[in-house]
Amino acid sequence: MTAVPPSPGSPDGDDYLKRRTLRRGSAGWLLLTGLGVAYVVSGDFSGWNVGLAKGGFGGLAIATVLMGTMYACLVFSLAELSTILPTAGGGYGFARRALGPWGGFLTGTAILIEYILAPAAIVIFIGDYVESLGLFGLTSGWPVYLGCFVVFIGVHLWGVGEALRFSLVVTAIAVTALLIFAVGAFTGFEAGGLDDIPVDASAFGSNSWLPLGVLGIWAAFPFGMWFFLGVEGVPLAAEEAKDPVRSMPRALSISMAVLAALALITFFAATGAQGADAIKSAGNPLVVALEGEDGPTALSRFVNYAGLAGLVASFFSLIYAGSRQLFALSRAGYLPRFLSLTSRRKAPYLGLVIPGAIGFGLAALTGDGARMLNIAVFGATISYALMALSHIVLRRREPHLERPYRTPGGVLTSSVAFVLALSALVATFLVDREAAFIALAVYAVALGYFALYSRRRLVASAPEEEFAALAEAEAELARG
């Protein structure tokens, strides 16, 4: 790796970083917690229930517990890492120091795949909701896609504080709706509905709780992830946070606790209200859980609209995450540097607009939200494994590195996250092999770009590169 040395007057001198600065101190722990929940909340309204078709109630329940454990271990590991290097690079920055420039690029690219594809998928679901609710008289989804990207990117361009406050409000509405749904659904709860999916007698280890057998647990992994997918993106806001050393671990922990509680409540309420078989293939499982034989009710219509709020919250926050990851990779030279330029309001305008244009194009051309989410999940699992590995490597190689917050359980915690992340990565091939290979193809193109071009043009003055250079200098002194 050859990093470009910073020098006054050069593209990498003092002026370089001045043109690439974010608004610091814009988000306290409450806004960061709201961001963590916003990333994920749409997954409570739909998507997770397909895991019932893959593994039945027991299979999805076990998968959700295992994936929840993976996320909890990962979040505690990231909480430590984010206090060591509180920059917009997030997981890429941690991997850069632990695993070198190749490890940093592999991690950052995987995160970028997740945060560019996921908004494109969610905006398709928003369009489907708008059509099904008969809003605005629309019969085609693309005007909704365009409107969402234009309006919500516009809010992000206005300023990060305003954007995160908007996200917090919409997220609060969605969470409130989930709690109201649960109250209504539990009034019709029947335990017998939990395991009513027909048993496949040919599947190994099958029974009423595992109707698709033991392998169904593994196949349900990606859907167990839907209750938590995205919460790991909170550290991407570290550079804009108030006192990130204290606020980041607090926000990550509270976000994870809220999401775990919502997953438990939603899973049992929806499945017990109508039965696992009735909701396993539903596009709007919470609405189906409330309607029953009598058709739509006032509560089911309310939840239908609330589902739209949940989708908007996740869409809005994932746009933020993608822009910050792109900003950090570009600022350090891994991607074209012009993508990290910021506006007068300290927003990475090209980092917002270009991924938004890509997302809109993918949504309008394919209309296949499920496929894009599967690609996003594939990228996510790779990044999880690499981020957990980074924690392990830094703990073992640099035990004396200052750590204002330390992960409970230390290396054991991140090792659990690492093993479960690899298991989830393999499980993606069981769900959608084509999506996995598409993600691999995108990865191959990105790696070719890095190998042939950008790895020789890294910017030494970028925070993540300075952090890595400091480690190299310390190692040289130790050897000397």
Protein backbone atom coordinates (compact mmCIF):
# COMPACT_ATOMS: atom_id res chain seq x y z
CA MET A 1 0.00 0.00 0.00
CA THR A 2 1.28 3.45 -0.92
CA ALA A 3 -0.48 6.26 0.87
CA VAL A 4 -0.26 9.77 -0.52
CA PRO A 5 1.64 11.95 1.96
CA PRO A 6 -0.16 15.13 2.99
CA SER A 7 1.56 18.33 1.95
CA PRO A 8 0.38 21.97 1.97
CA GLY A 9 -1.11 22.99 -1.33
CA SER A 10 -1.50 19.41 -2.61
CA PRO A 11 -4.89 17.70 -2.98
CA ASP A 12 -4.10 15.92 0.27
CA GLY A 13 -2.96 18.90 2.31
CA ASP A 14 -4.89 20.90 4.90
CA ASP A 15 -7.46 22.10 2.35
CA TYR A 16 -8.27 18.52 1.39
CA LEU A 17 -9.86 17.67 4.74
CA LYS A 18 -11.46 21.11 5.15
CA ARG A 19 -13.53 20.40 2.06
CA ARG A 20 -14.47 17.04 3.51
CA THR A 21 -15.77 17.68 7.02
CA LEU A 22 -19.01 16.65 8.69
CA ARG A 23 -20.98 18.61 11.29
CA ARG A 24 -19.59 17.45 14.60
CA GLY A 25 -21.64 17.28 17.79
CA SER A 26 -24.98 17.02 15.98
CA ALA A 27 -26.26 13.82 17.61
CA GLY A 28 -26.50 12.83 21.25
CA TRP A 29 -27.22 9.35 22.56
CA LEU A 30 -31.00 9.69 22.07
CA LEU A 31 -30.75 10.53 18.36
CA LEU A 32 -28.16 7.78 17.92
CA THR A 33 -30.46 5.29 19.64
CA GLY A 34 -33.29 6.38 17.37
CA LEU A 35 -31.00 5.88 14.39
CA GLY A 36 -30.17 2.35 15.51
CA VAL A 37 -33.84 1.39 15.86
CA ALA A 38 -34.79 3.19 12.63
CA TYR A 39 -32.35 1.12 10.60
CA VAL A 40 -34.23 -2.01 11.58
CA VAL A 41 -37.85 -1.25 12.45
CA SER A 42 -39.28 -1.98 8.99
CA GLY A 43 -38.17 -5.60 9.43
CA ASP A 44 -40.73 -6.03 12.22
CA PHE A 45 -43.58 -5.20 9.83
CA SER A 46 -42.70 -7.66 7.07
CA GLY A 47 -40.08 -10.06 5.73
CA TRP A 48 -39.23 -12.00 8.89
CA ASN A 49 -42.34 -14.17 8.50
CA VAL A 50 -40.92 -15.87 5.39
CA GLY A 51 -38.63 -17.65 7.84
CA LEU A 52 -41.71 -19.56 8.99
CA ALA A 53 -41.95 -21.06 5.50
CA LYS A 54 -38.26 -22.01 5.69
CA GLY A 55 -38.13 -23.48 9.18
CA GLY A 56 -41.51 -23.31 10.89
CA PHE A 57 -42.07 -21.60 14.22
CA GLY A 58 -39.38 -23.58 16.03
CA GLY A 59 -36.85 -23.16 13.24
CA LEU A 60 -37.36 -19.40 12.99
CA ALA A 61 -37.42 -19.03 16.77
CA ILE A 62 -34.05 -20.77 17.14
CA ALA A 63 -32.65 -18.83 14.17
CA THR A 64 -33.82 -15.54 15.69
CA VAL A 65 -32.22 -16.34 19.04
CA LEU A 66 -28.94 -17.25 17.34
CA MET A 67 -28.96 -14.20 15.08
CA GLY A 68 -29.95 -11.99 18.01
CA THR A 69 -26.95 -13.40 19.89
CA MET A 70 -24.74 -12.65 16.89
CA TYR A 71 -25.93 -9.04 16.75
CA ALA A 72 -25.62 -8.54 20.50
CA CYS A 73 -22.04 -9.84 20.47
CA LEU A 74 -21.24 -7.74 17.40
CA VAL A 75 -22.78 -4.60 18.90
CA PHE A 76 -20.73 -4.96 22.09
CA SER A 77 -17.59 -5.44 19.98
CA LEU A 78 -18.40 -2.39 17.84
CA ALA A 79 -19.07 -0.33 20.95
CA GLU A 80 -15.46 -0.87 21.99
CA LEU A 81 -14.05 -0.26 18.52
CA SER A 82 -16.08 2.92 18.02
CA THR A 83 -14.54 4.48 21.14
CA ILE A 84 -11.06 3.68 19.84
CA LEU A 85 -11.67 5.29 16.43
CA PRO A 86 -14.80 7.50 16.45
CA THR A 87 -14.92 8.41 12.74
CA ALA A 88 -17.44 8.11 9.90
CA GLY A 89 -15.62 5.03 8.61
CA GLY A 90 -17.24 2.75 11.18
CA GLY A 91 -16.43 -0.90 10.59
CA TYR A 92 -14.12 -0.16 7.67
CA GLY A 93 -11.92 1.99 9.89
CA PHE A 94 -11.61 -0.74 12.52
CA ALA A 95 -10.79 -3.36 9.89
CA ARG A 96 -8.25 -1.01 8.27
CA ARG A 97 -6.13 -0.96 11.42
CA ALA A 98 -6.60 -4.63 12.29
CA LEU A 99 -6.48 -6.25 8.86
CA GLY A 100 -4.64 -3.73 6.67
CA PRO A 101 -5.85 -1.85 3.58
CA TRP A 102 -7.22 -4.98 1.91
CA GLY A 103 -9.21 -5.90 5.01
CA GLY A 104 -10.47 -2.32 5.30
CA PHE A 105 -11.59 -2.23 1.69
CA LEU A 106 -13.25 -5.65 1.88
CA THR A 107 -15.19 -4.58 4.97
CA GLY A 108 -16.14 -1.15 3.63
CA THR A 109 -17.30 -2.58 0.31
CA ALA A 110 -19.47 -5.19 2.03
CA ILE A 111 -21.07 -2.49 4.18
CA LEU A 112 -21.60 -0.31 1.11
CA ILE A 113 -23.35 -3.17 -0.74
CA GLU A 114 -25.72 -3.53 2.22
CA TYR A 115 -26.51 0.17 2.54
CA ILE A 116 -27.00 0.87 -1.16
CA LEU A 117 -29.12 -2.21 -1.92
CA ALA A 118 -31.28 -2.14 1.21
CA PRO A 119 -32.80 1.34 0.55
CA ALA A 120 -33.54 0.31 -3.05
CA ALA A 121 -35.37 -2.76 -1.75
CA ILE A 122 -37.28 -0.86 0.91
CA VAL A 123 -38.42 1.87 -1.47
CA ILE A 124 -40.02 -0.87 -3.61
CA PHE A 125 -41.90 -2.07 -0.52
CA ILE A 126 -42.97 1.53 0.16
CA GLY A 127 -44.34 1.70 -3.39
CA ASP A 128 -46.23 -1.55 -2.86
CA TYR A 129 -47.73 -0.21 0.37
CA VAL A 130 -48.79 3.04 -1.28
CA GLU A 131 -50.47 1.14 -4.10
CA SER A 132 -52.22 -1.33 -1.79
CA LEU A 133 -53.53 1.49 0.38
CA GLY A 134 -54.81 3.34 -2.70
CA LEU A 135 -52.90 6.51 -1.83
CA PHE A 136 -52.60 9.32 -4.40
CA GLY A 137 -54.35 7.18 -7.01
CA LEU A 138 -51.03 5.67 -8.13
CA THR A 139 -50.95 2.44 -10.12
CA SER A 140 -47.20 2.39 -10.74
CA GLY A 141 -44.38 2.33 -8.21
CA TRP A 142 -41.70 4.43 -9.87
CA PRO A 143 -43.19 7.87 -8.99
CA VAL A 144 -43.13 6.77 -5.34
CA TYR A 145 -39.50 5.63 -5.66
CA LEU A 146 -38.50 8.93 -7.21
CA GLY A 147 -40.44 10.98 -4.67
CA CYS A 148 -38.92 9.13 -1.72
CA PHE A 149 -35.35 9.51 -2.92
CA VAL A 150 -35.78 13.19 -3.83
CA VAL A 151 -37.59 14.24 -0.65
CA PHE A 152 -35.57 12.26 1.85
CA ILE A 153 -32.18 12.95 0.30
CA GLY A 154 -33.24 16.60 0.38
CA VAL A 155 -33.80 16.36 4.15
CA HIS A 156 -30.34 14.84 4.57
CA LEU A 157 -28.81 17.64 2.51
CA TRP A 158 -30.52 20.14 4.81
CA GLY A 159 -28.47 18.90 7.77
CA VAL A 160 -27.66 15.84 9.84
CA GLY A 161 -29.31 17.12 13.02
CA GLU A 162 -32.58 17.80 11.22
CA ALA A 163 -32.39 14.45 9.46
CA LEU A 164 -31.84 12.45 12.63
CA ARG A 165 -34.65 14.28 14.45
CA PHE A 166 -37.01 13.48 11.59
CA SER A 167 -35.90 9.85 11.75
CA LEU A 168 -36.50 9.73 15.51
CA VAL A 169 -40.08 10.99 15.15
CA VAL A 170 -41.02 8.54 12.38
CA THR A 171 -39.36 5.69 14.29
CA ALA A 172 -41.30 6.55 17.46
CA ILE A 173 -44.55 6.35 15.45
CA ALA A 174 -43.58 2.93 14.05
CA VAL A 175 -42.56 1.54 17.46
CA THR A 176 -45.78 2.81 19.05
CA ALA A 177 -47.76 1.11 16.30
CA LEU A 178 -45.97 -2.18 16.95
CA LEU A 179 -46.89 -2.02 20.62
CA ILE A 180 -50.53 -1.22 19.79
CA PHE A 181 -50.54 -4.11 17.32
CA ALA A 182 -49.24 -6.47 19.98
CA VAL A 183 -51.97 -5.50 22.42
CA GLY A 184 -54.63 -6.21 19.77
CA ALA A 185 -53.01 -9.42 18.52
CA PHE A 186 -52.50 -10.94 21.97
CA THR A 187 -56.24 -10.73 22.63
CA GLY A 188 -56.68 -13.46 20.01
CA PHE A 189 -53.53 -15.41 20.87
CA GLU A 190 -53.77 -19.22 20.59
CA ALA A 191 -50.72 -21.34 21.34
CA GLY A 192 -51.96 -24.03 18.97
CA GLY A 193 -51.39 -21.71 16.01
CA LEU A 194 -47.66 -21.53 16.60
CA ASP A 195 -46.92 -24.98 15.19
CA ASP A 196 -49.71 -25.47 12.63
CA ILE A 197 -47.47 -25.69 9.53
CA PRO A 198 -47.73 -29.15 7.91
CA VAL A 199 -44.77 -31.39 8.74
CA ASP A 200 -42.47 -32.61 5.96
CA ALA A 201 -41.92 -36.19 7.11
CA SER A 202 -38.98 -36.60 4.70
CA ALA A 203 -36.96 -33.82 6.38
CA PHE A 204 -34.38 -34.92 8.94
CA GLY A 205 -35.50 -34.23 12.50
CA SER A 206 -38.90 -32.86 11.48
CA ASN A 207 -41.77 -32.46 13.94
CA SER A 208 -44.58 -29.98 14.56
CA TRP A 209 -42.13 -27.37 15.86
CA LEU A 210 -39.55 -28.05 13.13
CA PRO A 211 -41.80 -28.95 10.17
CA LEU A 212 -38.92 -28.57 7.69
CA GLY A 213 -36.45 -30.41 9.88
CA VAL A 214 -33.17 -29.34 11.44
CA LEU A 215 -31.90 -27.81 8.20
CA GLY A 216 -34.85 -25.41 8.37
CA ILE A 217 -33.18 -23.67 11.30
CA TRP A 218 -30.21 -22.79 9.14
CA ALA A 219 -32.38 -21.74 6.20
CA ALA A 220 -34.24 -19.35 8.53
CA PHE A 221 -31.05 -17.53 9.61
CA PRO A 222 -31.39 -14.66 7.09
CA PHE A 223 -34.98 -14.04 8.23
CA GLY A 224 -34.04 -14.08 11.89
CA MET A 225 -31.60 -11.32 10.93
CA TRP A 226 -34.46 -9.10 9.73
CA PHE A 227 -35.30 -8.21 13.33
CA PHE A 228 -31.81 -6.68 13.75
CA LEU A 229 -30.35 -6.00 10.29
CA GLY A 230 -28.74 -2.55 10.19
CA VAL A 231 -28.23 -1.78 13.88
CA GLU A 232 -24.49 -2.22 13.34
CA GLY A 233 -24.57 1.02 11.32
CA VAL A 234 -24.76 3.29 14.39
CA PRO A 235 -20.93 3.78 14.52
CA LEU A 236 -21.11 5.42 11.08
CA ALA A 237 -22.46 8.47 12.94
CA ALA A 238 -19.51 8.64 15.35
CA GLU A 239 -17.89 11.62 13.66
CA GLU A 240 -21.10 13.65 14.03
CA ALA A 241 -21.92 12.50 17.57
CA LYS A 242 -21.69 14.41 20.81
CA ASP A 243 -19.06 12.76 23.02
CA PRO A 244 -18.93 9.55 20.92
CA VAL A 245 -16.79 7.77 23.50
CA ARG A 246 -19.75 7.79 25.90
CA SER A 247 -22.76 8.11 23.63
CA MET A 248 -21.87 5.37 21.13
CA PRO A 249 -21.76 2.39 23.53
CA ARG A 250 -24.92 3.64 25.24
CA ALA A 251 -26.83 4.08 21.99
CA LEU A 252 -25.73 0.70 20.63
CA SER A 253 -26.73 -1.13 23.81
CA ILE A 254 -30.13 0.54 24.15
CA SER A 255 -30.91 0.09 20.43
CA MET A 256 -30.16 -3.62 20.67
CA ALA A 257 -32.30 -4.01 23.79
CA VAL A 258 -35.26 -2.24 22.16
CA LEU A 259 -34.96 -4.31 19.00
CA ALA A 260 -34.76 -7.58 20.93
CA ALA A 261 -37.91 -6.69 22.85
CA LEU A 262 -39.78 -5.72 19.66
CA ALA A 263 -38.68 -8.95 17.96
CA LEU A 264 -39.99 -11.08 20.82
CA ILE A 265 -43.31 -9.26 21.04
CA THR A 266 -43.94 -9.08 17.28
CA PHE A 267 -42.95 -12.71 16.61
CA PHE A 268 -45.21 -14.24 19.23
CA ALA A 269 -48.14 -11.83 18.77
CA ALA A 270 -48.36 -12.18 14.99
CA THR A 271 -47.84 -15.94 14.89
CA GLY A 272 -50.20 -16.73 17.76
CA ALA A 273 -52.99 -14.48 16.52
CA GLN A 274 -53.58 -16.22 13.18
CA GLY A 275 -51.22 -19.18 13.15
CA ALA A 276 -47.84 -19.63 11.51
CA ASP A 277 -49.28 -21.19 8.35
CA ALA A 278 -51.55 -18.20 7.69
CA ILE A 279 -48.83 -15.55 7.82
CA LYS A 280 -45.77 -17.42 6.50
CA SER A 281 -46.09 -16.00 2.97
CA ALA A 282 -47.92 -12.74 3.67
CA GLY A 283 -46.46 -9.47 2.41
CA ASN A 284 -48.02 -7.70 5.40
CA PRO A 285 -48.09 -10.36 8.16
CA LEU A 286 -49.17 -8.03 10.95
CA VAL A 287 -52.24 -6.94 9.00
CA VAL A 288 -53.11 -10.56 8.16
CA ALA A 289 -52.67 -11.47 11.83
CA LEU A 290 -55.31 -8.93 12.82
CA GLU A 291 -57.86 -9.42 10.06
CA GLY A 292 -58.86 -13.07 10.30
CA GLU A 293 -62.12 -14.23 8.76
CA ASP A 294 -63.92 -10.93 9.37
CA GLY A 295 -61.70 -8.96 6.99
CA PRO A 296 -60.14 -5.54 7.67
CA THR A 297 -60.64 -3.92 11.04
CA ALA A 298 -59.87 -0.42 12.28
CA LEU A 299 -56.78 -1.76 14.01
CA SER A 300 -55.53 -3.66 10.94
CA ARG A 301 -55.95 -0.53 8.80
CA PHE A 302 -54.02 1.49 11.38
CA VAL A 303 -51.20 -1.09 11.39
CA ASN A 304 -51.16 -1.02 7.58
CA TYR A 305 -50.48 2.71 7.61
CA ALA A 306 -48.00 2.30 10.45
CA GLY A 307 -46.12 -0.25 8.37
CA LEU A 308 -45.57 2.52 5.85
CA ALA A 309 -44.07 4.67 8.64
CA GLY A 310 -41.72 1.84 9.58
CA LEU A 311 -40.55 1.45 6.00
CA VAL A 312 -39.97 5.20 5.71
CA ALA A 313 -37.92 5.22 8.94
CA SER A 314 -35.63 2.43 7.73
CA PHE A 315 -35.35 3.83 4.22
CA PHE A 316 -34.44 7.27 5.53
CA SER A 317 -31.82 6.04 8.00
CA LEU A 318 -30.20 3.59 5.56
CA ILE A 319 -29.67 6.44 3.09
CA TYR A 320 -27.74 8.19 5.87
CA ALA A 321 -25.62 5.10 6.59
CA GLY A 322 -24.75 4.52 2.96
CA SER A 323 -23.70 8.13 2.45
CA ARG A 324 -21.36 8.07 5.47
CA GLN A 325 -19.71 4.82 4.44
CA LEU A 326 -19.20 6.12 0.92
CA PHE A 327 -17.90 9.42 2.33
CA ALA A 328 -15.29 7.69 4.50
CA LEU A 329 -14.04 5.34 1.78
CA SER A 330 -13.81 8.20 -0.68
CA ARG A 331 -12.07 10.58 1.74
CA ALA A 332 -9.37 7.96 2.31
CA GLY A 333 -8.93 7.36 -1.42
CA TYR A 334 -10.41 3.86 -1.66
CA LEU A 335 -13.12 5.27 -3.94
CA PRO A 336 -12.93 8.39 -6.18
CA ARG A 337 -12.11 11.32 -3.90
CA PHE A 338 -14.68 13.74 -5.28
CA LEU A 339 -17.44 11.61 -3.70
CA SER A 340 -16.40 12.84 -0.24
CA LEU A 341 -16.82 16.58 -0.89
CA THR A 342 -19.20 18.21 1.60
CA SER A 343 -21.55 21.17 1.22
CA ARG A 344 -21.74 24.37 3.28
CA ARG A 345 -24.11 22.51 5.60
CA LYS A 346 -21.44 19.79 6.02
CA ALA A 347 -23.39 17.14 4.13
CA PRO A 348 -21.64 14.77 1.69
CA TYR A 349 -23.89 15.78 -1.18
CA LEU A 350 -22.42 13.49 -3.85
CA GLY A 351 -22.31 10.65 -1.33
CA LEU A 352 -26.06 11.12 -0.96
CA VAL A 353 -27.09 11.83 -4.54
CA ILE A 354 -25.08 9.18 -6.41
CA PRO A 355 -26.10 6.17 -4.28
CA GLY A 356 -29.65 7.54 -4.39
CA ALA A 357 -29.57 7.62 -8.19
CA ILE A 358 -28.23 4.06 -8.25
CA GLY A 359 -30.91 2.92 -5.81
CA PHE A 360 -33.69 4.58 -7.78
CA GLY A 361 -32.42 3.03 -11.02
CA LEU A 362 -32.29 -0.47 -9.49
CA ALA A 363 -35.76 -0.12 -8.00
CA ALA A 364 -37.34 1.25 -11.18
CA LEU A 365 -35.67 -1.25 -13.50
CA THR A 366 -36.09 -4.45 -11.48
CA GLY A 367 -38.92 -3.98 -9.02
CA ASP A 368 -37.48 -6.99 -7.19
CA GLY A 369 -37.15 -5.88 -3.57
CA ALA A 370 -36.70 -9.37 -2.17
CA ARG A 371 -33.72 -10.10 -4.42
CA MET A 372 -32.02 -6.81 -3.53
CA LEU A 373 -32.54 -7.42 0.18
CA ASN A 374 -30.96 -10.85 -0.17
CA ILE A 375 -27.94 -9.27 -1.85
CA ALA A 376 -27.78 -6.72 0.97
CA VAL A 377 -27.89 -9.51 3.57
CA PHE A 378 -25.01 -11.27 1.83
CA GLY A 379 -22.88 -8.12 2.02
CA ALA A 380 -23.90 -7.61 5.65
CA THR A 381 -22.78 -11.06 6.78
CA ILE A 382 -19.35 -10.60 5.21
CA SER A 383 -18.92 -7.28 6.99
CA TYR A 384 -20.02 -8.79 10.32
CA ALA A 385 -17.41 -11.53 10.12
CA LEU A 386 -14.67 -9.05 9.24
CA MET A 387 -15.65 -6.55 11.95
CA ALA A 388 -15.74 -9.29 14.59
CA LEU A 389 -12.36 -10.54 13.36
CA SER A 390 -11.00 -6.99 13.65
CA HIS A 391 -11.98 -6.88 17.31
CA ILE A 392 -10.23 -10.22 17.93
CA VAL A 393 -7.06 -9.14 16.12
CA LEU A 394 -6.81 -5.77 17.87
CA ARG A 395 -7.38 -7.33 21.27
CA ARG A 396 -4.61 -9.87 20.72
CA ARG A 397 -2.13 -7.72 18.76
CA GLU A 398 -2.61 -4.40 20.59
CA PRO A 399 -3.73 -5.25 24.14
CA HIS A 400 -2.45 -1.91 25.48
CA LEU A 401 -4.41 0.23 23.01
CA GLU A 402 -6.52 2.76 24.95
CA ARG A 403 -10.09 1.44 25.20
CA PRO A 404 -12.50 3.83 26.99
CA TYR A 405 -15.13 1.07 26.73
CA ARG A 406 -14.33 -2.63 26.86
CA THR A 407 -16.52 -5.36 25.38
CA PRO A 408 -18.03 -7.63 28.06
CA GLY A 409 -16.52 -11.08 27.54
CA GLY A 410 -13.72 -9.70 25.39
CA VAL A 411 -12.50 -11.93 22.58
CA LEU A 412 -15.00 -14.66 23.46
CA THR A 413 -17.85 -12.28 22.62
CA SER A 414 -16.44 -11.27 19.24
CA SER A 415 -15.55 -14.91 18.48
CA VAL A 416 -19.19 -15.90 18.91
CA ALA A 417 -20.18 -13.10 16.53
CA PHE A 418 -17.55 -14.25 14.03
CA VAL A 419 -18.68 -17.90 13.97
CA LEU A 420 -22.38 -17.02 13.73
CA ALA A 421 -21.70 -14.47 10.97
CA LEU A 422 -19.94 -17.12 8.89
CA SER A 423 -22.87 -19.48 9.48
CA ALA A 424 -25.30 -16.78 8.33
CA LEU A 425 -23.16 -16.13 5.25
CA VAL A 426 -23.41 -19.78 4.21
CA ALA A 427 -27.16 -19.74 4.93
CA THR A 428 -27.69 -17.02 2.32
CA PHE A 429 -26.86 -19.61 -0.35
CA LEU A 430 -29.71 -21.77 0.96
CA VAL A 431 -32.19 -18.91 0.56
CA ASP A 432 -31.17 -17.22 -2.70
CA ARG A 433 -28.09 -18.59 -4.43
CA GLU A 434 -28.43 -16.21 -7.37
CA ALA A 435 -28.43 -13.17 -5.07
CA ALA A 436 -25.28 -14.46 -3.37
CA PHE A 437 -23.48 -14.84 -6.69
CA ILE A 438 -24.60 -11.37 -7.83
CA ALA A 439 -23.11 -9.93 -4.65
CA LEU A 440 -19.88 -11.86 -5.28
CA ALA A 441 -19.72 -10.46 -8.81
CA VAL A 442 -20.08 -6.89 -7.49
CA TYR A 443 -17.39 -7.66 -4.96
CA ALA A 444 -15.06 -8.94 -7.69
CA VAL A 445 -15.45 -5.74 -9.72
CA ALA A 446 -14.78 -3.59 -6.65
CA LEU A 447 -11.71 -5.61 -5.72
CA GLY A 448 -10.38 -5.27 -9.26
CA TYR A 449 -10.71 -1.49 -9.01
CA PHE A 450 -8.87 -1.47 -5.68
CA ALA A 451 -6.09 -3.83 -6.83
CA LEU A 452 -5.42 -2.05 -10.10
CA TYR A 453 -5.99 1.57 -9.14
CA SER A 454 -7.03 2.94 -5.77
CA ARG A 455 -4.72 1.03 -3.40
CA ARG A 456 -1.83 3.12 -4.74
CA ARG A 457 -3.71 6.38 -4.15
CA LEU A 458 -4.76 6.22 -0.52
CA VAL A 459 -4.78 9.50 1.42
CA ALA A 460 -2.43 9.46 4.39
CA SER A 461 -4.16 12.38 6.12
CA ALA A 462 -7.54 10.60 6.32
CA PRO A 463 -8.35 9.66 9.96
CA GLU A 464 -8.46 5.92 9.30
CA GLU A 465 -5.13 6.00 7.45
CA GLU A 466 -3.49 8.08 10.17
CA PHE A 467 -4.79 5.62 12.75
CA ALA A 468 -3.23 2.71 10.83
CA ALA A 469 0.03 4.63 10.23
CA LEU A 470 0.32 5.26 13.97
CA ALA A 471 0.10 1.52 14.60
CA GLU A 472 2.83 0.87 12.03
CA ALA A 473 5.06 3.52 13.62
CA GLU A 474 4.53 2.05 17.09
CA ALA A 475 5.39 -1.41 15.75
CA GLU A 476 8.61 -0.05 14.20
CA LEU A 477 9.63 1.51 17.52
CA ALA A 478 8.92 -1.74 19.32
CA ARG A 479 11.07 -3.67 16.87
CA GLY A 480 13.85 -1.09 17.10
